[in-house]
Amino acid sequence: MKTISLTVPDFFELNEKETKLLIASRLYEQGKLSLGEGAELSGVSKRTFIELLGHYDVSVFNYSVQELKGDIENA
């Protein structure tokens, strides 16, 4: 795993855990991480990561409109 060091202004008032959650939730939202990978990056369980995604307005269901239409047609 790669280590990244960030310097952020004090007024952001972000701790390391919150920063990891922000990054993991955004990467999950973009489809660059799976739920398991996001949880691992965040240092929480998969279940906790799923619950925390809601706090960042990220849907657990990461499907495109085309994928949803295809699923409806196949049902």
PDB file of N, CA and C in Angstrom:
ATOM      1  N   MET A   1       0.849  -1.169   0.000  1.00  0.00           N
ATOM      2  CA  MET A   1       0.000   0.000   0.000  1.00  0.00           C
ATOM      3  C   MET A   1       0.901   1.241   0.000  1.00  0.00           C
ATOM      4  N   LYS A   2       0.480   2.248  -0.719  1.00  0.00           N
ATOM      5  CA  LYS A   2       1.220   3.492  -0.847  1.00  0.00           C
ATOM      6  C   LYS A   2       0.921   4.409   0.344  1.00  0.00           C
ATOM      7  N   THR A   3       1.930   5.145   0.799  1.00  0.00           N
ATOM      8  CA  THR A   3       1.754   6.117   1.868  1.00  0.00           C
ATOM      9  C   THR A   3       1.817   7.515   1.277  1.00  0.00           C
ATOM     10  N   ILE A   4       0.838   8.334   1.639  1.00  0.00           N
ATOM     11  CA  ILE A   4       0.773   9.713   1.155  1.00  0.00           C
ATOM     12  C   ILE A   4       0.749  10.631   2.374  1.00  0.00           C
ATOM     13  N   SER A   5       1.522  11.687   2.313  1.00  0.00           N
ATOM     14  CA  SER A   5       1.554  12.671   3.386  1.00  0.00           C
ATOM     15  C   SER A   5       0.904  13.959   2.892  1.00  0.00           C
ATOM     16  N   LEU A   6      -0.064  14.471   3.663  1.00  0.00           N
ATOM     17  CA  LEU A   6      -0.771  15.699   3.304  1.00  0.00           C
ATOM     18  C   LEU A   6      -0.572  16.759   4.379  1.00  0.00           C
ATOM     19  N   THR A   7      -0.426  17.980   3.949  1.00  0.00           N
ATOM     20  CA  THR A   7      -0.401  19.106   4.869  1.00  0.00           C
ATOM     21  C   THR A   7      -1.623  19.958   4.570  1.00  0.00           C
ATOM     22  N   VAL A   8      -2.485  20.103   5.576  1.00  0.00           N
ATOM     23  CA  VAL A   8      -3.704  20.878   5.386  1.00  0.00           C
ATOM     24  C   VAL A   8      -3.733  22.010   6.408  1.00  0.00           C
ATOM     25  N   PRO A   9      -4.368  23.121   6.071  1.00  0.00           N
ATOM     26  CA  PRO A   9      -4.459  24.237   7.017  1.00  0.00           C
ATOM     27  C   PRO A   9      -5.200  23.820   8.288  1.00  0.00           C
ATOM     28  N   ASP A  10      -4.824  24.420   9.399  1.00  0.00           N
ATOM     29  CA  ASP A  10      -5.442  24.101  10.688  1.00  0.00           C
ATOM     30  C   ASP A  10      -6.943  24.361  10.708  1.00  0.00           C
ATOM     31  N   PHE A  11      -7.406  25.342   9.952  1.00  0.00           N
ATOM     32  CA  PHE A  11      -8.828  25.666  10.015  1.00  0.00           C
ATOM     33  C   PHE A  11      -9.716  24.577   9.414  1.00  0.00           C
ATOM     34  N   PHE A  12      -9.150  23.611   8.712  1.00  0.00           N
ATOM     35  CA  PHE A  12      -9.952  22.494   8.216  1.00  0.00           C
ATOM     36  C   PHE A  12     -10.443  21.604   9.346  1.00  0.00           C
ATOM     37  N   GLU A  13      -9.707  21.587  10.439  1.00  0.00           N
ATOM     38  CA  GLU A  13     -10.074  20.797  11.613  1.00  0.00           C
ATOM     39  C   GLU A  13     -10.398  19.352  11.262  1.00  0.00           C
ATOM     40  N   LEU A  14      -9.596  18.745  10.393  1.00  0.00           N
ATOM     41  CA  LEU A  14      -9.763  17.342  10.018  1.00  0.00           C
ATOM     42  C   LEU A  14      -8.714  16.502  10.736  1.00  0.00           C
ATOM     43  N   ASN A  15      -9.167  15.390  11.300  1.00  0.00           N
ATOM     44  CA  ASN A  15      -8.187  14.463  11.852  1.00  0.00           C
ATOM     45  C   ASN A  15      -7.868  13.408  10.792  1.00  0.00           C
ATOM     46  N   GLU A  16      -6.910  12.560  11.064  1.00  0.00           N
ATOM     47  CA  GLU A  16      -6.464  11.569  10.080  1.00  0.00           C
ATOM     48  C   GLU A  16      -7.582  10.614   9.667  1.00  0.00           C
ATOM     49  N   LYS A  17      -8.367  10.161  10.638  1.00  0.00           N
ATOM     50  CA  LYS A  17      -9.449   9.218  10.325  1.00  0.00           C
ATOM     51  C   LYS A  17     -10.493   9.846   9.406  1.00  0.00           C
ATOM     52  N   GLU A  18     -10.876  11.079   9.717  1.00  0.00           N
ATOM     53  CA  GLU A  18     -11.879  11.763   8.887  1.00  0.00           C
ATOM     54  C   GLU A  18     -11.351  12.012   7.475  1.00  0.00           C
ATOM     55  N   THR A  19     -10.074  12.340   7.368  1.00  0.00           N
ATOM     56  CA  THR A  19      -9.461  12.560   6.061  1.00  0.00           C
ATOM     57  C   THR A  19      -9.482  11.274   5.239  1.00  0.00           C
ATOM     58  N   LYS A  20      -9.154  10.153   5.876  1.00  0.00           N
ATOM     59  CA  LYS A  20      -9.185   8.863   5.175  1.00  0.00           C
ATOM     60  C   LYS A  20     -10.599   8.533   4.707  1.00  0.00           C
ATOM     61  N   LEU A  21     -11.594   8.820   5.549  1.00  0.00           N
ATOM     62  CA  LEU A  21     -12.988   8.565   5.169  1.00  0.00           C
ATOM     63  C   LEU A  21     -13.415   9.432   3.987  1.00  0.00           C
ATOM     64  N   LEU A  22     -13.022  10.685   3.998  1.00  0.00           N
ATOM     65  CA  LEU A  22     -13.351  11.579   2.884  1.00  0.00           C
ATOM     66  C   LEU A  22     -12.759  11.068   1.571  1.00  0.00           C
ATOM     67  N   ILE A  23     -11.504  10.695   1.616  1.00  0.00           N
ATOM     68  CA  ILE A  23     -10.830  10.205   0.406  1.00  0.00           C
ATOM     69  C   ILE A  23     -11.444   8.894  -0.054  1.00  0.00           C
ATOM     70  N   ALA A  24     -11.650   7.967   0.878  1.00  0.00           N
ATOM     71  CA  ALA A  24     -12.210   6.660   0.525  1.00  0.00           C
ATOM     72  C   ALA A  24     -13.624   6.788  -0.036  1.00  0.00           C
ATOM     73  N   SER A  25     -14.445   7.660   0.557  1.00  0.00           N
ATOM     74  CA  SER A  25     -15.821   7.806   0.070  1.00  0.00           C
ATOM     75  C   SER A  25     -15.838   8.398  -1.337  1.00  0.00           C
ATOM     76  N   ARG A  26     -14.967   9.342  -1.597  1.00  0.00           N
ATOM     77  CA  ARG A  26     -14.913   9.946  -2.946  1.00  0.00           C
ATOM     78  C   ARG A  26     -14.408   8.936  -3.970  1.00  0.00           C
ATOM     79  N   LEU A  27     -13.389   8.161  -3.619  1.00  0.00           N
ATOM     80  CA  LEU A  27     -12.873   7.151  -4.552  1.00  0.00           C
ATOM     81  C   LEU A  27     -13.903   6.051  -4.793  1.00  0.00           C
ATOM     82  N   TYR A  28     -14.675   5.699  -3.746  1.00  0.00           N
ATOM     83  CA  TYR A  28     -15.744   4.720  -3.932  1.00  0.00           C
ATOM     84  C   TYR A  28     -16.810   5.277  -4.863  1.00  0.00           C
ATOM     85  N   GLU A  29     -17.184   6.529  -4.641  1.00  0.00           N
ATOM     86  CA  GLU A  29     -18.208   7.179  -5.463  1.00  0.00           C
ATOM     87  C   GLU A  29     -17.795   7.196  -6.932  1.00  0.00           C
ATOM     88  N   GLN A  30     -16.514   7.367  -7.206  1.00  0.00           N
ATOM     89  CA  GLN A  30     -16.000   7.404  -8.576  1.00  0.00           C
ATOM     90  C   GLN A  30     -15.791   6.012  -9.160  1.00  0.00           C
ATOM     91  N   GLY A  31     -16.018   4.972  -8.351  1.00  0.00           N
ATOM     92  CA  GLY A  31     -15.855   3.609  -8.834  1.00  0.00           C
ATOM     93  C   GLY A  31     -14.415   3.131  -8.848  1.00  0.00           C
ATOM     94  N   LYS A  32     -13.547   3.839  -8.153  1.00  0.00           N
ATOM     95  CA  LYS A  32     -12.129   3.470  -8.132  1.00  0.00           C
ATOM     96  C   LYS A  32     -11.787   2.525  -6.986  1.00  0.00           C
ATOM     97  N   LEU A  33     -12.693   2.406  -6.015  1.00  0.00           N
ATOM     98  CA  LEU A  33     -12.527   1.485  -4.894  1.00  0.00           C
ATOM     99  C   LEU A  33     -13.802   0.682  -4.710  1.00  0.00           C
ATOM    100  N   SER A  34     -13.657  -0.565  -4.285  1.00  0.00           N
ATOM    101  CA  SER A  34     -14.818  -1.374  -3.901  1.00  0.00           C
ATOM    102  C   SER A  34     -15.187  -1.015  -2.464  1.00  0.00           C
ATOM    103  N   LEU A  35     -16.304  -1.540  -1.988  1.00  0.00           N
ATOM    104  CA  LEU A  35     -16.686  -1.294  -0.594  1.00  0.00           C
ATOM    105  C   LEU A  35     -15.611  -1.808   0.362  1.00  0.00           C
ATOM    106  N   GLY A  36     -15.095  -2.994   0.074  1.00  0.00           N
ATOM    107  CA  GLY A  36     -14.067  -3.577   0.928  1.00  0.00           C
ATOM    108  C   GLY A  36     -12.787  -2.754   0.935  1.00  0.00           C
ATOM    109  N   GLU A  37     -12.397  -2.276  -0.228  1.00  0.00           N
ATOM    110  CA  GLU A  37     -11.188  -1.456  -0.326  1.00  0.00           C
ATOM    111  C   GLU A  37     -11.382  -0.113   0.383  1.00  0.00           C
ATOM    112  N   GLY A  38     -12.577   0.467   0.238  1.00  0.00           N
ATOM    113  CA  GLY A  38     -12.878   1.717   0.924  1.00  0.00           C
ATOM    114  C   GLY A  38     -12.843   1.548   2.435  1.00  0.00           C
ATOM    115  N   ALA A  39     -13.405   0.439   2.902  1.00  0.00           N
ATOM    116  CA  ALA A  39     -13.392   0.149   4.342  1.00  0.00           C
ATOM    117  C   ALA A  39     -11.963  -0.022   4.838  1.00  0.00           C
ATOM    118  N   GLU A  40     -11.159  -0.749   4.076  1.00  0.00           N
ATOM    119  CA  GLU A  40      -9.767  -0.976   4.468  1.00  0.00           C
ATOM    120  C   GLU A  40      -8.995   0.343   4.519  1.00  0.00           C
ATOM    121  N   LEU A  41      -9.153   1.173   3.495  1.00  0.00           N
ATOM    122  CA  LEU A  41      -8.471   2.468   3.467  1.00  0.00           C
ATOM    123  C   LEU A  41      -8.907   3.337   4.650  1.00  0.00           C
ATOM    124  N   SER A  42     -10.176   3.256   5.008  1.00  0.00           N
ATOM    125  CA  SER A  42     -10.725   4.058   6.102  1.00  0.00           C
ATOM    126  C   SER A  42     -10.380   3.505   7.473  1.00  0.00           C
ATOM    127  N   GLY A  43     -10.010   2.234   7.518  1.00  0.00           N
ATOM    128  CA  GLY A  43      -9.698   1.609   8.800  1.00  0.00           C
ATOM    129  C   GLY A  43     -10.928   1.228   9.596  1.00  0.00           C
ATOM    130  N   VAL A  44     -12.029   0.937   8.879  1.00  0.00           N
ATOM    131  CA  VAL A  44     -13.279   0.536   9.531  1.00  0.00           C
ATOM    132  C   VAL A  44     -13.788  -0.742   8.879  1.00  0.00           C
ATOM    133  N   SER A  45     -14.807  -1.346   9.481  1.00  0.00           N
ATOM    134  CA  SER A  45     -15.415  -2.533   8.884  1.00  0.00           C
ATOM    135  C   SER A  45     -16.224  -2.131   7.649  1.00  0.00           C
ATOM    136  N   LYS A  46     -16.547  -3.126   6.835  1.00  0.00           N
ATOM    137  CA  LYS A  46     -17.360  -2.864   5.649  1.00  0.00           C
ATOM    138  C   LYS A  46     -18.719  -2.286   6.034  1.00  0.00           C
ATOM    139  N   ARG A  47     -19.307  -2.856   7.067  1.00  0.00           N
ATOM    140  CA  ARG A  47     -20.626  -2.379   7.519  1.00  0.00           C
ATOM    141  C   ARG A  47     -20.559  -0.913   7.956  1.00  0.00           C
ATOM    142  N   THR A  48     -19.527  -0.577   8.722  1.00  0.00           N
ATOM    143  CA  THR A  48     -19.362   0.805   9.183  1.00  0.00           C
ATOM    144  C   THR A  48     -19.129   1.736   8.010  1.00  0.00           C
ATOM    145  N   PHE A  49     -18.331   1.294   7.037  1.00  0.00           N
ATOM    146  CA  PHE A  49     -18.069   2.125   5.862  1.00  0.00           C
ATOM    147  C   PHE A  49     -19.365   2.403   5.105  1.00  0.00           C
ATOM    148  N   ILE A  50     -20.202   1.383   4.959  1.00  0.00           N
ATOM    149  CA  ILE A  50     -21.496   1.559   4.290  1.00  0.00           C
ATOM    150  C   ILE A  50     -22.330   2.606   5.024  1.00  0.00           C
ATOM    151  N   GLU A  51     -22.360   2.511   6.355  1.00  0.00           N
ATOM    152  CA  GLU A  51     -23.130   3.475   7.143  1.00  0.00           C
ATOM    153  C   GLU A  51     -22.556   4.883   7.009  1.00  0.00           C
ATOM    154  N   LEU A  52     -21.235   5.005   6.989  1.00  0.00           N
ATOM    155  CA  LEU A  52     -20.593   6.316   6.914  1.00  0.00           C
ATOM    156  C   LEU A  52     -20.739   6.962   5.546  1.00  0.00           C
ATOM    157  N   LEU A  53     -20.909   6.160   4.499  1.00  0.00           N
ATOM    158  CA  LEU A  53     -21.105   6.739   3.166  1.00  0.00           C
ATOM    159  C   LEU A  53     -22.303   7.684   3.145  1.00  0.00           C
ATOM    160  N   GLY A  54     -23.334   7.340   3.895  1.00  0.00           N
ATOM    161  CA  GLY A  54     -24.519   8.190   3.970  1.00  0.00           C
ATOM    162  C   GLY A  54     -24.218   9.566   4.534  1.00  0.00           C
ATOM    163  N   HIS A  55     -23.262   9.643   5.462  1.00  0.00           N
ATOM    164  CA  HIS A  55     -22.878  10.941   6.042  1.00  0.00           C
ATOM    165  C   HIS A  55     -22.189  11.836   5.015  1.00  0.00           C
ATOM    166  N   TYR A  56     -21.639  11.211   3.973  1.00  0.00           N
ATOM    167  CA  TYR A  56     -20.946  11.959   2.920  1.00  0.00           C
ATOM    168  C   TYR A  56     -21.788  12.048   1.646  1.00  0.00           C
ATOM    169  N   ASP A  57     -23.086  11.724   1.765  1.00  0.00           N
ATOM    170  CA  ASP A  57     -24.026  11.765   0.633  1.00  0.00           C
ATOM    171  C   ASP A  57     -23.563  10.922  -0.547  1.00  0.00           C
ATOM    172  N   VAL A  58     -23.013   9.753  -0.243  1.00  0.00           N
ATOM    173  CA  VAL A  58     -22.575   8.817  -1.281  1.00  0.00           C
ATOM    174  C   VAL A  58     -23.478   7.585  -1.205  1.00  0.00           C
ATOM    175  N   SER A  59     -24.070   7.222  -2.326  1.00  0.00           N
ATOM    176  CA  SER A  59     -24.947   6.062  -2.379  1.00  0.00           C
ATOM    177  C   SER A  59     -24.128   4.773  -2.402  1.00  0.00           C
ATOM    178  N   VAL A  60     -24.598   3.788  -1.672  1.00  0.00           N
ATOM    179  CA  VAL A  60     -23.960   2.472  -1.690  1.00  0.00           C
ATOM    180  C   VAL A  60     -24.193   1.812  -3.039  1.00  0.00           C
ATOM    181  N   PHE A  61     -25.302   2.147  -3.665  1.00  0.00           N
ATOM    182  CA  PHE A  61     -25.659   1.563  -4.952  1.00  0.00           C
ATOM    183  C   PHE A  61     -25.034   2.413  -6.042  1.00  0.00           C
ATOM    184  N   ASN A  62     -23.937   1.950  -6.550  1.00  0.00           N
ATOM    185  CA  ASN A  62     -23.124   2.714  -7.488  1.00  0.00           C
ATOM    186  C   ASN A  62     -23.372   2.227  -8.927  1.00  0.00           C
ATOM    187  N   TYR A  63     -24.620   2.329  -9.370  1.00  0.00           N
ATOM    188  CA  TYR A  63     -24.989   1.865 -10.701  1.00  0.00           C
ATOM    189  C   TYR A  63     -25.288   3.048 -11.624  1.00  0.00           C
ATOM    190  N   SER A  64     -24.926   2.885 -12.874  1.00  0.00           N
ATOM    191  CA  SER A  64     -25.277   3.907 -13.854  1.00  0.00           C
ATOM    192  C   SER A  64     -26.738   3.703 -14.269  1.00  0.00           C
ATOM    193  N   VAL A  65     -27.303   4.686 -14.940  1.00  0.00           N
ATOM    194  CA  VAL A  65     -28.681   4.595 -15.422  1.00  0.00           C
ATOM    195  C   VAL A  65     -28.803   3.427 -16.390  1.00  0.00           C
ATOM    196  N   GLN A  66     -27.829   3.245 -17.262  1.00  0.00           N
ATOM    197  CA  GLN A  66     -27.857   2.139 -18.231  1.00  0.00           C
ATOM    198  C   GLN A  66     -27.873   0.787 -17.527  1.00  0.00           C
ATOM    199  N   GLU A  67     -27.059   0.635 -16.471  1.00  0.00           N
ATOM    200  CA  GLU A  67     -27.031  -0.628 -15.731  1.00  0.00           C
ATOM    201  C   GLU A  67     -28.371  -0.897 -15.063  1.00  0.00           C
ATOM    202  N   LEU A  68     -28.986   0.129 -14.504  1.00  0.00           N
ATOM    203  CA  LEU A  68     -30.292  -0.038 -13.873  1.00  0.00           C
ATOM    204  C   LEU A  68     -31.365  -0.413 -14.895  1.00  0.00           C
ATOM    205  N   LYS A  69     -31.349   0.243 -16.072  1.00  0.00           N
ATOM    206  CA  LYS A  69     -32.316  -0.099 -17.119  1.00  0.00           C
ATOM    207  C   LYS A  69     -32.133  -1.542 -17.571  1.00  0.00           C
ATOM    208  N   GLY A  70     -30.892  -1.967 -17.714  1.00  0.00           N
ATOM    209  CA  GLY A  70     -30.605  -3.349 -18.099  1.00  0.00           C
ATOM    210  C   GLY A  70     -31.122  -4.337 -17.062  1.00  0.00           C
ATOM    211  N   ASP A  71     -30.936  -4.037 -15.788  1.00  0.00           N
ATOM    212  CA  ASP A  71     -31.432  -4.903 -14.727  1.00  0.00           C
ATOM    213  C   ASP A  71     -32.952  -4.993 -14.737  1.00  0.00           C
ATOM    214  N   ILE A  72     -33.600  -3.860 -14.988  1.00  0.00           N
ATOM    215  CA  ILE A  72     -35.076  -3.848 -15.041  1.00  0.00           C
ATOM    216  C   ILE A  72     -35.562  -4.695 -16.215  1.00  0.00           C
ATOM    217  N   GLU A  73     -34.910  -4.569 -17.363  1.00  0.00           N
ATOM    218  CA  GLU A  73     -35.311  -5.349 -18.531  1.00  0.00           C
ATOM    219  C   GLU A  73     -35.095  -6.844 -18.310  1.00  0.00           C
ATOM    220  N   ASN A  74     -34.055  -7.200 -17.575  1.00  0.00           N
ATOM    221  CA  ASN A  74     -33.753  -8.609 -17.317  1.00  0.00           C
ATOM    222  C   ASN A  74     -34.620  -9.218 -16.228  1.00  0.00           C
ATOM    223  N   ALA A  75     -35.282  -8.378 -15.448  1.00  0.00           N
ATOM    224  CA  ALA A  75     -36.093  -8.889 -14.320  1.00  0.00           C
ATOM    225  C   ALA A  75     -37.402  -9.476 -14.773  1.00  0.00           C
TER     226      ALA A  75
END
